């Protein structure tokens, strides 16, 4: 299979050589698009993992809040004049604030997922270029 050299005329090539050249160019284009998609999806997977870990941590802290609030409520009911339950409520409040901050952080990280934006754009540009190339009256091959 021969490559087209700069300045070489398309008319000098046989149909078989042109088909082989076009096939090679399309193969290279598809390979490059797949590589770009892999890179973008790997970055998005990392962002999703960090966001999911934040949501999971917030869920575990939420479980602790339920336990601490339950203990505080129980102590409050048992010892209605004793202030031990107030300390338990303060600790539960601190955990609630931490869980809220982790939820906001997780949402922020999930919002940064781009969804292979560059791959979609380059694919759209490639298909657009292929469509417009067929519109011209004279065949043209750019290498």
Protein backbone atom coordinates (compact mmCIF):
# COMPACT_ATOMS: atom_id res chain seq x y z
CA UNK A 1 0.00 0.00 0.00
CA UNK A 2 1.50 3.34 -0.99
CA UNK A 3 1.03 6.56 0.91
CA UNK A 4 0.13 9.74 -0.91
CA UNK A 5 3.01 12.17 -0.86
CA UNK A 6 2.54 15.95 -0.57
CA UNK A 7 2.26 17.36 -4.07
CA UNK A 8 1.37 13.96 -5.57
CA UNK A 9 -1.70 14.09 -7.76
CA UNK A 10 -4.71 11.95 -6.96
CA UNK A 11 -5.25 11.32 -10.65
CA UNK A 12 -1.92 9.43 -10.81
CA UNK A 13 -3.13 6.77 -8.34
CA UNK A 14 -5.05 3.65 -9.23
CA UNK A 15 -8.49 2.97 -7.76
CA UNK A 16 -7.05 0.21 -5.60
CA UNK A 17 -4.40 2.55 -4.17
CA UNK A 18 -7.04 5.21 -3.47
CA UNK A 19 -9.28 2.70 -1.70
CA UNK A 20 -6.34 1.42 0.36
CA UNK A 21 -5.33 4.98 1.27
CA UNK A 22 -8.90 5.91 2.25
CA UNK A 23 -9.21 2.71 4.31
CA UNK A 24 -5.96 3.47 6.11
CA UNK A 25 -7.03 7.05 6.84
CA UNK A 26 -10.42 5.94 8.19
CA UNK A 27 -8.76 3.28 10.33
CA UNK A 28 -6.36 5.85 11.79
CA UNK A 29 -9.24 8.25 12.43
CA UNK A 30 -11.30 5.60 14.25
CA UNK A 31 -8.28 4.55 16.33
CA UNK A 32 -7.64 8.18 17.34
CA UNK A 33 -11.31 8.69 18.27
CA UNK A 34 -11.27 5.55 20.44
CA UNK A 35 -8.09 6.69 22.20
CA UNK A 36 -9.65 10.11 22.90
CA UNK A 37 -12.83 8.49 24.23
CA UNK A 38 -10.81 6.20 26.55
CA UNK A 39 -8.90 9.17 28.00
CA UNK A 40 -12.06 11.19 28.61
CA UNK A 41 -13.98 8.28 30.13
CA UNK A 42 -11.09 7.43 32.45
CA UNK A 43 -11.10 11.00 33.80
CA UNK A 44 -14.89 10.91 34.23
CA UNK A 45 -14.70 7.55 36.03
CA UNK A 46 -12.21 9.02 38.51
CA UNK A 47 -14.50 12.00 39.19
CA UNK A 48 -17.48 9.66 39.66
CA UNK A 49 -15.51 7.48 42.10
CA UNK A 50 -14.54 10.49 44.24
CA UNK A 51 -18.12 11.78 44.22
CA UNK A 52 -19.51 8.35 45.09
CA UNK A 53 -17.04 7.95 47.96
CA UNK A 54 -18.18 11.32 49.33
CA UNK A 55 -21.83 10.24 49.15
CA UNK A 56 -20.97 6.92 50.83
CA UNK A 57 -19.11 8.67 53.63
CA UNK A 58 -22.02 11.04 54.12
CA UNK A 59 -24.34 8.03 54.35
CA UNK A 60 -22.21 6.41 57.04
CA UNK A 61 -22.13 9.65 59.01
CA UNK A 62 -25.90 9.85 58.60
CA UNK A 63 -26.13 6.45 60.29
CA UNK A 64 -24.05 7.75 63.16
CA UNK A 65 -26.40 10.73 63.46
CA UNK A 66 -29.37 8.43 63.90
CA UNK A 67 -27.57 6.47 66.62
CA UNK A 68 -26.38 9.57 68.46
CA UNK A 69 -29.76 11.27 68.25
CA UNK A 70 -31.43 8.13 69.52
CA UNK A 71 -29.09 7.90 72.52
CA UNK A 72 -29.49 11.62 73.24
CA UNK A 73 -33.24 11.37 73.07
CA UNK A 74 -33.22 8.30 75.35
CA UNK A 75 -31.01 10.00 77.94
CA UNK A 76 -33.18 13.10 77.72
CA UNK A 77 -36.31 11.15 78.43
CA UNK A 78 -34.78 9.13 81.25
CA UNK A 79 -33.15 11.97 83.05
CA UNK A 80 -35.37 14.92 82.38
CA UNK A 81 -33.42 17.45 84.37
CA UNK A 82 -29.94 16.24 83.66
CA UNK A 83 -28.00 17.98 80.90
CA UNK A 84 -26.08 14.98 79.53
CA UNK A 85 -28.31 14.80 76.49
CA UNK A 86 -27.31 18.32 75.45
CA UNK A 87 -23.76 17.13 74.87
CA UNK A 88 -25.04 14.28 72.72
CA UNK A 89 -27.12 16.72 70.66
CA UNK A 90 -24.11 18.98 70.08
CA UNK A 91 -22.06 16.01 68.81
CA UNK A 92 -24.92 14.95 66.54
CA UNK A 93 -25.16 18.53 65.24
CA UNK A 94 -21.46 18.55 64.39
CA UNK A 95 -21.88 15.28 62.46
CA UNK A 96 -24.88 16.73 60.62
CA UNK A 97 -22.78 19.70 59.47
CA UNK A 98 -19.94 17.41 58.34
CA UNK A 99 -22.38 15.17 56.44
CA UNK A 100 -23.92 18.21 54.75
CA UNK A 101 -20.51 19.48 53.65
CA UNK A 102 -19.60 16.05 52.26
CA UNK A 103 -22.86 15.92 50.32
CA UNK A 104 -22.13 19.33 48.79
CA UNK A 105 -18.58 18.24 47.91
CA UNK A 106 -19.87 15.03 46.29
CA UNK A 107 -22.44 16.94 44.25
CA UNK A 108 -19.79 19.43 43.15
CA UNK A 109 -17.45 16.61 41.99
CA UNK A 110 -20.27 14.83 40.13
CA UNK A 111 -21.11 18.10 38.38
CA UNK A 112 -17.59 18.18 36.89
CA UNK A 113 -18.21 15.04 34.80
CA UNK A 114 -17.96 16.11 31.16
CA UNK A 115 -19.29 13.04 29.35
CA UNK A 116 -16.71 12.75 26.53
CA UNK A 117 -17.47 16.26 25.27
CA UNK A 118 -14.39 16.49 23.03
CA UNK A 119 -15.04 13.07 21.48
CA UNK A 120 -18.60 14.07 20.56
CA UNK A 121 -17.33 17.32 19.03
CA UNK A 122 -14.59 15.69 16.96
CA UNK A 123 -16.95 12.95 15.76
CA UNK A 124 -19.48 15.58 14.75
CA UNK A 125 -16.75 17.51 12.90
CA UNK A 126 -15.51 14.32 11.18
CA UNK A 127 -18.98 13.37 9.95
CA UNK A 128 -19.62 16.93 8.85
CA UNK A 129 -16.35 16.97 6.87
CA UNK A 130 -17.20 13.63 5.23
CA UNK A 131 -20.66 14.89 4.23
CA UNK A 132 -19.32 18.14 2.76
CA UNK A 133 -16.57 16.36 0.86
CA UNK A 134 -19.21 14.42 -1.10
CA UNK A 135 -20.99 17.65 -2.07
CA UNK A 136 -18.22 19.00 -4.33
CA UNK A 137 -18.11 18.27 -8.05
CA UNK A 138 -14.40 17.51 -8.22
CA UNK A 139 -12.92 14.68 -6.17
CA UNK A 140 -10.40 15.94 -3.67
CA UNK A 141 -8.03 13.98 -1.43
CA UNK A 142 -6.18 15.67 1.39
CA UNK A 143 -3.46 13.83 3.16
